[in-house]
Amino acid sequence: MSEIASIIQGIIPISSFNRGQAGKIFDEVKSGSTKVVVKNNEPESILISPQKYIDLLQKLEDMEDIVLAMERENSAFDEPSVGFDELLKEAGLTREELSSMGDVEFD
């Protein structure tokens, strides 16, 4: 079944809740069905399971991370790069001095 067909079949009038069908509706949502609640022929709310909601939030966070990474990647090329020798010069070191320092251990 297509996603659109699934949504159309999931449309329920808000009056269904007033007719004692809330338990059945929530059971269907709990089993993975999405429901679109309509009031006066206009969508009022969408019911999804807590797991679907968590999954959607995770996908949104993943997409935001991808966009941020892409923005950072693109902006990295906007700034001029600095060569290793220039960094040494700014630090007041030469390659020879750096080599004579030996191995450096990190704790």
PDB file of N, CA and C in Angstrom:
ATOM      1  N   MET A   1       0.845  -1.175   0.000  1.00  0.00           N
ATOM      2  CA  MET A   1       0.000   0.000   0.000  1.00  0.00           C
ATOM      3  C   MET A   1       0.890   1.237   0.000  1.00  0.00           C
ATOM      4  N   SER A   2       0.535   2.195  -0.840  1.00  0.00           N
ATOM      5  CA  SER A   2       1.341   3.406  -0.933  1.00  0.00           C
ATOM      6  C   SER A   2       1.148   4.268   0.311  1.00  0.00           C
ATOM      7  N   GLU A   3       2.089   5.165   0.512  1.00  0.00           N
ATOM      8  CA  GLU A   3       2.034   6.064   1.669  1.00  0.00           C
ATOM      9  C   GLU A   3       0.783   6.939   1.614  1.00  0.00           C
ATOM     10  N   ILE A   4       0.418   7.412   0.419  1.00  0.00           N
ATOM     11  CA  ILE A   4      -0.767   8.265   0.277  1.00  0.00           C
ATOM     12  C   ILE A   4      -2.028   7.478   0.608  1.00  0.00           C
ATOM     13  N   ALA A   5      -2.131   6.255   0.101  1.00  0.00           N
ATOM     14  CA  ALA A   5      -3.295   5.418   0.398  1.00  0.00           C
ATOM     15  C   ALA A   5      -3.399   5.140   1.892  1.00  0.00           C
ATOM     16  N   SER A   6      -2.257   4.921   2.511  1.00  0.00           N
ATOM     17  CA  SER A   6      -2.225   4.674   3.952  1.00  0.00           C
ATOM     18  C   SER A   6      -2.728   5.890   4.727  1.00  0.00           C
ATOM     19  N   ILE A   7      -2.338   7.072   4.292  1.00  0.00           N
ATOM     20  CA  ILE A   7      -2.776   8.300   4.958  1.00  0.00           C
ATOM     21  C   ILE A   7      -4.278   8.495   4.770  1.00  0.00           C
ATOM     22  N   ILE A   8      -4.758   8.263   3.549  1.00  0.00           N
ATOM     23  CA  ILE A   8      -6.186   8.434   3.271  1.00  0.00           C
ATOM     24  C   ILE A   8      -7.010   7.473   4.123  1.00  0.00           C
ATOM     25  N   GLN A   9      -6.543   6.239   4.257  1.00  0.00           N
ATOM     26  CA  GLN A   9      -7.261   5.276   5.085  1.00  0.00           C
ATOM     27  C   GLN A   9      -7.171   5.628   6.565  1.00  0.00           C
ATOM     28  N   GLY A  10      -6.178   6.434   6.920  1.00  0.00           N
ATOM     29  CA  GLY A  10      -5.997   6.814   8.315  1.00  0.00           C
ATOM     30  C   GLY A  10      -6.770   8.061   8.717  1.00  0.00           C
ATOM     31  N   ILE A  11      -7.546   8.643   7.814  1.00  0.00           N
ATOM     32  CA  ILE A  11      -8.318   9.838   8.146  1.00  0.00           C
ATOM     33  C   ILE A  11      -9.526   9.429   8.987  1.00  0.00           C
ATOM     34  N   ILE A  12      -9.645  10.079  10.137  1.00  0.00           N
ATOM     35  CA  ILE A  12     -10.779   9.801  11.017  1.00  0.00           C
ATOM     36  C   ILE A  12     -11.387  11.116  11.493  1.00  0.00           C
ATOM     37  N   PRO A  13     -12.715  11.169  11.562  1.00  0.00           N
ATOM     38  CA  PRO A  13     -13.345  12.386  12.086  1.00  0.00           C
ATOM     39  C   PRO A  13     -13.172  12.464  13.596  1.00  0.00           C
ATOM     40  N   ILE A  14     -13.073  13.662  14.105  1.00  0.00           N
ATOM     41  CA  ILE A  14     -12.893  13.852  15.545  1.00  0.00           C
ATOM     42  C   ILE A  14     -14.082  13.293  16.316  1.00  0.00           C
ATOM     43  N   SER A  15     -15.235  13.218  15.679  1.00  0.00           N
ATOM     44  CA  SER A  15     -16.422  12.681  16.346  1.00  0.00           C
ATOM     45  C   SER A  15     -16.247  11.211  16.713  1.00  0.00           C
ATOM     46  N   SER A  16     -15.306  10.506  16.073  1.00  0.00           N
ATOM     47  CA  SER A  16     -15.050   9.107  16.418  1.00  0.00           C
ATOM     48  C   SER A  16     -14.632   8.976  17.876  1.00  0.00           C
ATOM     49  N   PHE A  17     -13.938   9.983  18.382  1.00  0.00           N
ATOM     50  CA  PHE A  17     -13.521   9.957  19.785  1.00  0.00           C
ATOM     51  C   PHE A  17     -14.742  10.088  20.690  1.00  0.00           C
ATOM     52  N   ASN A  18     -15.718  10.875  20.273  1.00  0.00           N
ATOM     53  CA  ASN A  18     -16.931  11.068  21.066  1.00  0.00           C
ATOM     54  C   ASN A  18     -17.828   9.838  21.038  1.00  0.00           C
ATOM     55  N   ARG A  19     -17.654   8.965  20.065  1.00  0.00           N
ATOM     56  CA  ARG A  19     -18.478   7.760  19.939  1.00  0.00           C
ATOM     57  C   ARG A  19     -17.816   6.549  20.592  1.00  0.00           C
ATOM     58  N   GLY A  20     -16.844   6.783  21.432  1.00  0.00           N
ATOM     59  CA  GLY A  20     -16.234   5.690  22.177  1.00  0.00           C
ATOM     60  C   GLY A  20     -15.229   4.860  21.393  1.00  0.00           C
ATOM     61  N   GLN A  21     -14.689   5.391  20.315  1.00  0.00           N
ATOM     62  CA  GLN A  21     -13.736   4.634  19.506  1.00  0.00           C
ATOM     63  C   GLN A  21     -12.279   4.986  19.803  1.00  0.00           C
ATOM     64  N   ALA A  22     -12.052   5.791  20.828  1.00  0.00           N
ATOM     65  CA  ALA A  22     -10.692   6.239  21.133  1.00  0.00           C
ATOM     66  C   ALA A  22      -9.751   5.061  21.398  1.00  0.00           C
ATOM     67  N   GLY A  23     -10.208   4.079  22.168  1.00  0.00           N
ATOM     68  CA  GLY A  23      -9.365   2.925  22.480  1.00  0.00           C
ATOM     69  C   GLY A  23      -8.924   2.197  21.225  1.00  0.00           C
ATOM     70  N   LYS A  24      -9.851   1.975  20.302  1.00  0.00           N
ATOM     71  CA  LYS A  24      -9.541   1.299  19.038  1.00  0.00           C
ATOM     72  C   LYS A  24      -8.561   2.125  18.209  1.00  0.00           C
ATOM     73  N   ILE A  25      -8.794   3.426  18.164  1.00  0.00           N
ATOM     74  CA  ILE A  25      -7.925   4.329  17.392  1.00  0.00           C
ATOM     75  C   ILE A  25      -6.508   4.302  17.952  1.00  0.00           C
ATOM     76  N   PHE A  26      -6.393   4.397  19.272  1.00  0.00           N
ATOM     77  CA  PHE A  26      -5.064   4.397  19.891  1.00  0.00           C
ATOM     78  C   PHE A  26      -4.369   3.051  19.714  1.00  0.00           C
ATOM     79  N   ASP A  27      -5.119   1.951  19.726  1.00  0.00           N
ATOM     80  CA  ASP A  27      -4.521   0.633  19.477  1.00  0.00           C
ATOM     81  C   ASP A  27      -3.939   0.563  18.066  1.00  0.00           C
ATOM     82  N   GLU A  28      -4.666   1.122  17.092  1.00  0.00           N
ATOM     83  CA  GLU A  28      -4.178   1.124  15.712  1.00  0.00           C
ATOM     84  C   GLU A  28      -2.916   1.977  15.581  1.00  0.00           C
ATOM     85  N   VAL A  29      -2.909   3.108  16.263  1.00  0.00           N
ATOM     86  CA  VAL A  29      -1.723   3.980  16.243  1.00  0.00           C
ATOM     87  C   VAL A  29      -0.552   3.259  16.904  1.00  0.00           C
ATOM     88  N   LYS A  30      -0.822   2.608  18.009  1.00  0.00           N
ATOM     89  CA  LYS A  30       0.226   1.888  18.734  1.00  0.00           C
ATOM     90  C   LYS A  30       0.852   0.794  17.869  1.00  0.00           C
ATOM     91  N   SER A  31       0.033   0.183  16.991  1.00  0.00           N
ATOM     92  CA  SER A  31       0.542  -0.886  16.130  1.00  0.00           C
ATOM     93  C   SER A  31       1.226  -0.344  14.876  1.00  0.00           C
ATOM     94  N   GLY A  32       1.389   0.973  14.773  1.00  0.00           N
ATOM     95  CA  GLY A  32       2.155   1.547  13.671  1.00  0.00           C
ATOM     96  C   GLY A  32       1.351   2.348  12.670  1.00  0.00           C
ATOM     97  N   SER A  33       0.042   2.365  12.800  1.00  0.00           N
ATOM     98  CA  SER A  33      -0.801   3.121  11.873  1.00  0.00           C
ATOM     99  C   SER A  33      -0.744   4.613  12.219  1.00  0.00           C
ATOM    100  N   THR A  34      -0.787   5.437  11.203  1.00  0.00           N
ATOM    101  CA  THR A  34      -0.838   6.891  11.396  1.00  0.00           C
ATOM    102  C   THR A  34      -2.264   7.343  11.154  1.00  0.00           C
ATOM    103  N   LYS A  35      -2.776   8.194  12.010  1.00  0.00           N
ATOM    104  CA  LYS A  35      -4.139   8.696  11.883  1.00  0.00           C
ATOM    105  C   LYS A  35      -4.127  10.209  11.729  1.00  0.00           C
ATOM    106  N   VAL A  36      -4.943  10.697  10.797  1.00  0.00           N
ATOM    107  CA  VAL A  36      -5.139  12.128  10.615  1.00  0.00           C
ATOM    108  C   VAL A  36      -6.532  12.440  11.136  1.00  0.00           C
ATOM    109  N   VAL A  37      -6.606  13.224  12.190  1.00  0.00           N
ATOM    110  CA  VAL A  37      -7.884  13.580  12.794  1.00  0.00           C
ATOM    111  C   VAL A  37      -8.379  14.857  12.122  1.00  0.00           C
ATOM    112  N   VAL A  38      -9.621  14.790  11.596  1.00  0.00           N
ATOM    113  CA  VAL A  38     -10.192  15.953  10.929  1.00  0.00           C
ATOM    114  C   VAL A  38     -11.365  16.504  11.736  1.00  0.00           C
ATOM    115  N   LYS A  39     -11.474  17.815  11.707  1.00  0.00           N
ATOM    116  CA  LYS A  39     -12.573  18.519  12.369  1.00  0.00           C
ATOM    117  C   LYS A  39     -13.099  19.526  11.359  1.00  0.00           C
ATOM    118  N   ASN A  40     -14.390  19.470  11.074  1.00  0.00           N
ATOM    119  CA  ASN A  40     -14.992  20.331  10.054  1.00  0.00           C
ATOM    120  C   ASN A  40     -14.272  20.188   8.712  1.00  0.00           C
ATOM    121  N   ASN A  41     -13.948  18.952   8.359  1.00  0.00           N
ATOM    122  CA  ASN A  41     -13.287  18.610   7.095  1.00  0.00           C
ATOM    123  C   ASN A  41     -11.903  19.225   6.925  1.00  0.00           C
ATOM    124  N   GLU A  42     -11.278  19.627   8.017  1.00  0.00           N
ATOM    125  CA  GLU A  42      -9.919  20.171   7.992  1.00  0.00           C
ATOM    126  C   GLU A  42      -9.046  19.330   8.920  1.00  0.00           C
ATOM    127  N   PRO A  43      -7.815  19.023   8.501  1.00  0.00           N
ATOM    128  CA  PRO A  43      -6.912  18.288   9.399  1.00  0.00           C
ATOM    129  C   PRO A  43      -6.702  19.068  10.701  1.00  0.00           C
ATOM    130  N   GLU A  44      -6.884  18.386  11.809  1.00  0.00           N
ATOM    131  CA  GLU A  44      -6.754  18.995  13.134  1.00  0.00           C
ATOM    132  C   GLU A  44      -5.469  18.552  13.821  1.00  0.00           C
ATOM    133  N   SER A  45      -5.168  17.249  13.683  1.00  0.00           N
ATOM    134  CA  SER A  45      -3.941  16.722  14.290  1.00  0.00           C
ATOM    135  C   SER A  45      -3.585  15.397  13.620  1.00  0.00           C
ATOM    136  N   ILE A  46      -2.359  14.962  13.881  1.00  0.00           N
ATOM    137  CA  ILE A  46      -1.888  13.681  13.359  1.00  0.00           C
ATOM    138  C   ILE A  46      -1.440  12.844  14.547  1.00  0.00           C
ATOM    139  N   LEU A  47      -1.918  11.629  14.588  1.00  0.00           N
ATOM    140  CA  LEU A  47      -1.553  10.723  15.671  1.00  0.00           C
ATOM    141  C   LEU A  47      -0.548   9.715  15.150  1.00  0.00           C
ATOM    142  N   ILE A  48       0.593   9.627  15.824  1.00  0.00           N
ATOM    143  CA  ILE A  48       1.611   8.626  15.503  1.00  0.00           C
ATOM    144  C   ILE A  48       2.085   8.002  16.810  1.00  0.00           C
ATOM    145  N   SER A  49       2.675   6.853  16.708  1.00  0.00           N
ATOM    146  CA  SER A  49       3.165   6.167  17.908  1.00  0.00           C
ATOM    147  C   SER A  49       4.383   6.916  18.466  1.00  0.00           C
ATOM    148  N   PRO A  50       4.631   6.750  19.757  1.00  0.00           N
ATOM    149  CA  PRO A  50       5.822   7.383  20.340  1.00  0.00           C
ATOM    150  C   PRO A  50       7.112   6.968  19.623  1.00  0.00           C
ATOM    151  N   GLN A  51       7.216   5.689  19.199  1.00  0.00           N
ATOM    152  CA  GLN A  51       8.430   5.235  18.520  1.00  0.00           C
ATOM    153  C   GLN A  51       8.595   5.923  17.176  1.00  0.00           C
ATOM    154  N   LYS A  52       7.488   6.094  16.431  1.00  0.00           N
ATOM    155  CA  LYS A  52       7.565   6.808  15.158  1.00  0.00           C
ATOM    156  C   LYS A  52       8.000   8.252  15.381  1.00  0.00           C
ATOM    157  N   TYR A  53       7.493   8.859  16.447  1.00  0.00           N
ATOM    158  CA  TYR A  53       7.864  10.240  16.770  1.00  0.00           C
ATOM    159  C   TYR A  53       9.357  10.329  17.077  1.00  0.00           C
ATOM    160  N   ILE A  54       9.854   9.399  17.880  1.00  0.00           N
ATOM    161  CA  ILE A  54      11.282   9.374  18.214  1.00  0.00           C
ATOM    162  C   ILE A  54      12.109   9.169  16.947  1.00  0.00           C
ATOM    163  N   ASP A  55      11.664   8.257  16.075  1.00  0.00           N
ATOM    164  CA  ASP A  55      12.376   8.005  14.819  1.00  0.00           C
ATOM    165  C   ASP A  55      12.419   9.265  13.949  1.00  0.00           C
ATOM    166  N   LEU A  56      11.301   9.983  13.872  1.00  0.00           N
ATOM    167  CA  LEU A  56      11.257  11.219  13.087  1.00  0.00           C
ATOM    168  C   LEU A  56      12.195  12.278  13.660  1.00  0.00           C
ATOM    169  N   LEU A  57      12.210  12.401  14.986  1.00  0.00           N
ATOM    170  CA  LEU A  57      13.119  13.367  15.614  1.00  0.00           C
ATOM    171  C   LEU A  57      14.571  13.007  15.337  1.00  0.00           C
ATOM    172  N   GLN A  58      14.891  11.708  15.377  1.00  0.00           N
ATOM    173  CA  GLN A  58      16.259  11.261  15.105  1.00  0.00           C
ATOM    174  C   GLN A  58      16.645  11.570  13.661  1.00  0.00           C
ATOM    175  N   LYS A  59      15.715  11.315  12.720  1.00  0.00           N
ATOM    176  CA  LYS A  59      15.991  11.622  11.314  1.00  0.00           C
ATOM    177  C   LYS A  59      16.195  13.122  11.120  1.00  0.00           C
ATOM    178  N   LEU A  60      15.394  13.918  11.798  1.00  0.00           N
ATOM    179  CA  LEU A  60      15.542  15.371  11.708  1.00  0.00           C
ATOM    180  C   LEU A  60      16.903  15.804  12.245  1.00  0.00           C
ATOM    181  N   GLU A  61      17.295  15.248  13.385  1.00  0.00           N
ATOM    182  CA  GLU A  61      18.598  15.585  13.968  1.00  0.00           C
ATOM    183  C   GLU A  61      19.735  15.158  13.033  1.00  0.00           C
ATOM    184  N   ASP A  62      19.607  13.973  12.431  1.00  0.00           N
ATOM    185  CA  ASP A  62      20.615  13.504  11.481  1.00  0.00           C
ATOM    186  C   ASP A  62      20.727  14.452  10.285  1.00  0.00           C
ATOM    187  N   MET A  63      19.581  14.880   9.765  1.00  0.00           N
ATOM    188  CA  MET A  63      19.586  15.800   8.618  1.00  0.00           C
ATOM    189  C   MET A  63      20.200  17.146   8.997  1.00  0.00           C
ATOM    190  N   GLU A  64      19.881  17.642  10.195  1.00  0.00           N
ATOM    191  CA  GLU A  64      20.477  18.900  10.651  1.00  0.00           C
ATOM    192  C   GLU A  64      21.990  18.767  10.769  1.00  0.00           C
ATOM    193  N   ASP A  65      22.462  17.613  11.258  1.00  0.00           N
ATOM    194  CA  ASP A  65      23.908  17.365  11.361  1.00  0.00           C
ATOM    195  C   ASP A  65      24.562  17.338   9.976  1.00  0.00           C
ATOM    196  N   ILE A  66      23.888  16.728   9.015  1.00  0.00           N
ATOM    197  CA  ILE A  66      24.420  16.668   7.650  1.00  0.00           C
ATOM    198  C   ILE A  66      24.520  18.073   7.059  1.00  0.00           C
ATOM    199  N   VAL A  67      23.468  18.870   7.245  1.00  0.00           N
ATOM    200  CA  VAL A  67      23.477  20.242   6.726  1.00  0.00           C
ATOM    201  C   VAL A  67      24.602  21.042   7.382  1.00  0.00           C
ATOM    202  N   LEU A  68      24.762  20.912   8.695  1.00  0.00           N
ATOM    203  CA  LEU A  68      25.826  21.631   9.400  1.00  0.00           C
ATOM    204  C   LEU A  68      27.200  21.200   8.895  1.00  0.00           C
ATOM    205  N   ALA A  69      27.391  19.902   8.702  1.00  0.00           N
ATOM    206  CA  ALA A  69      28.679  19.401   8.192  1.00  0.00           C
ATOM    207  C   ALA A  69      28.952  19.950   6.797  1.00  0.00           C
ATOM    208  N   MET A  70      27.917  19.982   5.962  1.00  0.00           N
ATOM    209  CA  MET A  70      28.098  20.505   4.604  1.00  0.00           C
ATOM    210  C   MET A  70      28.421  21.999   4.634  1.00  0.00           C
ATOM    211  N   GLU A  71      27.750  22.739   5.514  1.00  0.00           N
ATOM    212  CA  GLU A  71      28.040  24.171   5.636  1.00  0.00           C
ATOM    213  C   GLU A  71      29.471  24.397   6.097  1.00  0.00           C
ATOM    214  N   ARG A  72      29.900  23.599   7.077  1.00  0.00           N
ATOM    215  CA  ARG A  72      31.275  23.732   7.579  1.00  0.00           C
ATOM    216  C   ARG A  72      32.289  23.359   6.502  1.00  0.00           C
ATOM    217  N   GLU A  73      31.978  22.323   5.750  1.00  0.00           N
ATOM    218  CA  GLU A  73      32.879  21.896   4.680  1.00  0.00           C
ATOM    219  C   GLU A  73      33.017  22.991   3.626  1.00  0.00           C
ATOM    220  N   ASN A  74      31.908  23.593   3.263  1.00  0.00           N
ATOM    221  CA  ASN A  74      31.937  24.654   2.259  1.00  0.00           C
ATOM    222  C   ASN A  74      32.646  25.904   2.770  1.00  0.00           C
ATOM    223  N   SER A  75      32.435  26.243   4.047  1.00  0.00           N
ATOM    224  CA  SER A  75      33.064  27.449   4.577  1.00  0.00           C
ATOM    225  C   SER A  75      34.552  27.246   4.839  1.00  0.00           C
ATOM    226  N   ALA A  76      34.992  26.000   4.969  1.00  0.00           N
ATOM    227  CA  ALA A  76      36.408  25.727   5.211  1.00  0.00           C
ATOM    228  C   ALA A  76      37.254  26.192   4.040  1.00  0.00           C
ATOM    229  N   PHE A  77      36.688  26.205   2.856  1.00  0.00           N
ATOM    230  CA  PHE A  77      37.433  26.624   1.679  1.00  0.00           C
ATOM    231  C   PHE A  77      37.426  28.139   1.508  1.00  0.00           C
ATOM    232  N   ASP A  78      36.608  28.821   2.294  1.00  0.00           N
ATOM    233  CA  ASP A  78      36.534  30.279   2.207  1.00  0.00           C
ATOM    234  C   ASP A  78      37.699  30.957   2.941  1.00  0.00           C
ATOM    235  N   GLU A  79      38.234  30.263   3.943  1.00  0.00           N
ATOM    236  CA  GLU A  79      39.311  30.843   4.732  1.00  0.00           C
ATOM    237  C   GLU A  79      40.660  30.416   4.147  1.00  0.00           C
ATOM    238  N   PRO A  80      41.615  31.323   4.143  1.00  0.00           N
ATOM    239  CA  PRO A  80      42.926  30.950   3.594  1.00  0.00           C
ATOM    240  C   PRO A  80      43.605  29.915   4.485  1.00  0.00           C
ATOM    241  N   SER A  81      44.295  28.991   3.859  1.00  0.00           N
ATOM    242  CA  SER A  81      45.005  27.976   4.628  1.00  0.00           C
ATOM    243  C   SER A  81      46.387  28.499   5.005  1.00  0.00           C
ATOM    244  N   VAL A  82      46.935  27.929   6.050  1.00  0.00           N
ATOM    245  CA  VAL A  82      48.249  28.330   6.544  1.00  0.00           C
ATOM    246  C   VAL A  82      49.162  27.119   6.444  1.00  0.00           C
ATOM    247  N   GLY A  83      50.320  27.299   5.867  1.00  0.00           N
ATOM    248  CA  GLY A  83      51.271  26.208   5.716  1.00  0.00           C
ATOM    249  C   GLY A  83      51.984  25.881   7.025  1.00  0.00           C
ATOM    250  N   PHE A  84      52.573  24.692   7.072  1.00  0.00           N
ATOM    251  CA  PHE A  84      53.260  24.236   8.273  1.00  0.00           C
ATOM    252  C   PHE A  84      54.427  25.145   8.637  1.00  0.00           C
ATOM    253  N   ASP A  85      55.210  25.554   7.631  1.00  0.00           N
ATOM    254  CA  ASP A  85      56.354  26.422   7.917  1.00  0.00           C
ATOM    255  C   ASP A  85      55.906  27.772   8.483  1.00  0.00           C
ATOM    256  N   GLU A  86      54.781  28.274   7.996  1.00  0.00           N
ATOM    257  CA  GLU A  86      54.260  29.546   8.514  1.00  0.00           C
ATOM    258  C   GLU A  86      53.821  29.392   9.970  1.00  0.00           C
ATOM    259  N   LEU A  87      53.212  28.250  10.294  1.00  0.00           N
ATOM    260  CA  LEU A  87      52.829  27.997  11.685  1.00  0.00           C
ATOM    261  C   LEU A  87      54.056  27.933  12.593  1.00  0.00           C
ATOM    262  N   LEU A  88      55.100  27.264  12.106  1.00  0.00           N
ATOM    263  CA  LEU A  88      56.340  27.205  12.882  1.00  0.00           C
ATOM    264  C   LEU A  88      56.915  28.599  13.101  1.00  0.00           C
ATOM    265  N   LYS A  89      56.898  29.409  12.048  1.00  0.00           N
ATOM    266  CA  LYS A  89      57.425  30.771  12.136  1.00  0.00           C
ATOM    267  C   LYS A  89      56.640  31.578  13.166  1.00  0.00           C
ATOM    268  N   GLU A  90      55.310  31.443  13.148  1.00  0.00           N
ATOM    269  CA  GLU A  90      54.477  32.163  14.111  1.00  0.00           C
ATOM    270  C   GLU A  90      54.760  31.698  15.533  1.00  0.00           C
ATOM    271  N   ALA A  91      55.125  30.427  15.685  1.00  0.00           N
ATOM    272  CA  ALA A  91      55.449  29.886  17.005  1.00  0.00           C
ATOM    273  C   ALA A  91      56.891  30.166  17.401  1.00  0.00           C
ATOM    274  N   GLY A  92      57.671  30.726  16.484  1.00  0.00           N
ATOM    275  CA  GLY A  92      59.072  31.023  16.779  1.00  0.00           C
ATOM    276  C   GLY A  92      59.946  29.787  16.767  1.00  0.00           C
ATOM    277  N   LEU A  93      59.596  28.796  15.964  1.00  0.00           N
ATOM    278  CA  LEU A  93      60.353  27.549  15.894  1.00  0.00           C
ATOM    279  C   LEU A  93      60.822  27.297  14.474  1.00  0.00           C
ATOM    280  N   THR A  94      61.858  26.451  14.389  1.00  0.00           N
ATOM    281  CA  THR A  94      62.310  25.971  13.083  1.00  0.00           C
ATOM    282  C   THR A  94      62.043  24.473  13.035  1.00  0.00           C
ATOM    283  N   ARG A  95      62.145  23.904  11.850  1.00  0.00           N
ATOM    284  CA  ARG A  95      61.953  22.457  11.717  1.00  0.00           C
ATOM    285  C   ARG A  95      63.007  21.701  12.525  1.00  0.00           C
ATOM    286  N   GLU A  96      64.239  22.231  12.529  1.00  0.00           N
ATOM    287  CA  GLU A  96      65.316  21.585  13.264  1.00  0.00           C
ATOM    288  C   GLU A  96      65.033  21.572  14.761  1.00  0.00           C
ATOM    289  N   GLU A  97      64.569  22.717  15.291  1.00  0.00           N
ATOM    290  CA  GLU A  97      64.240  22.783  16.719  1.00  0.00           C
ATOM    291  C   GLU A  97      63.110  21.801  17.059  1.00  0.00           C
ATOM    292  N   LEU A  98      62.140  21.726  16.185  1.00  0.00           N
ATOM    293  CA  LEU A  98      61.016  20.819  16.406  1.00  0.00           C
ATOM    294  C   LEU A  98      61.498  19.369  16.393  1.00  0.00           C
ATOM    295  N   SER A  99      62.380  19.031  15.453  1.00  0.00           N
ATOM    296  CA  SER A  99      62.899  17.666  15.370  1.00  0.00           C
ATOM    297  C   SER A  99      63.743  17.306  16.585  1.00  0.00           C
ATOM    298  N   SER A 100      64.487  18.285  17.124  1.00  0.00           N
ATOM    299  CA  SER A 100      65.367  18.011  18.256  1.00  0.00           C
ATOM    300  C   SER A 100      64.610  17.818  19.560  1.00  0.00           C
ATOM    301  N   MET A 101      63.327  18.127  19.566  1.00  0.00           N
ATOM    302  CA  MET A 101      62.536  17.981  20.783  1.00  0.00           C
ATOM    303  C   MET A 101      62.235  16.507  21.087  1.00  0.00           C
ATOM    304  N   GLY A 102      62.401  15.621  20.122  1.00  0.00           N
ATOM    305  CA  GLY A 102      62.160  14.204  20.348  1.00  0.00           C
ATOM    306  C   GLY A 102      60.664  13.884  20.387  1.00  0.00           C
ATOM    307  N   ASP A 103      60.414  12.687  20.880  1.00  0.00           N
ATOM    308  CA  ASP A 103      59.017  12.224  20.954  1.00  0.00           C
ATOM    309  C   ASP A 103      58.279  12.944  22.069  1.00  0.00           C
ATOM    310  N   VAL A 104      57.027  13.165  21.829  1.00  0.00           N
ATOM    311  CA  VAL A 104      56.167  13.798  22.819  1.00  0.00           C
ATOM    312  C   VAL A 104      55.152  12.766  23.271  1.00  0.00           C
ATOM    313  N   GLU A 105      55.001  12.640  24.589  1.00  0.00           N
ATOM    314  CA  GLU A 105      54.036  11.682  25.142  1.00  0.00           C
ATOM    315  C   GLU A 105      52.834  12.424  25.662  1.00  0.00           C
ATOM    316  N   PHE A 106      51.689  11.842  25.424  1.00  0.00           N
ATOM    317  CA  PHE A 106      50.419  12.410  25.912  1.00  0.00           C
ATOM    318  C   PHE A 106      49.843  11.478  26.950  1.00  0.00           C
ATOM    319  N   ASP A 107      49.346  12.046  28.012  1.00  0.00           N
ATOM    320  CA  ASP A 107      48.681  11.226  29.072  1.00  0.00           C
ATOM    321  C   ASP A 107      47.207  11.213  28.837  1.00  0.00           C
TER     322      ASP A 107
END
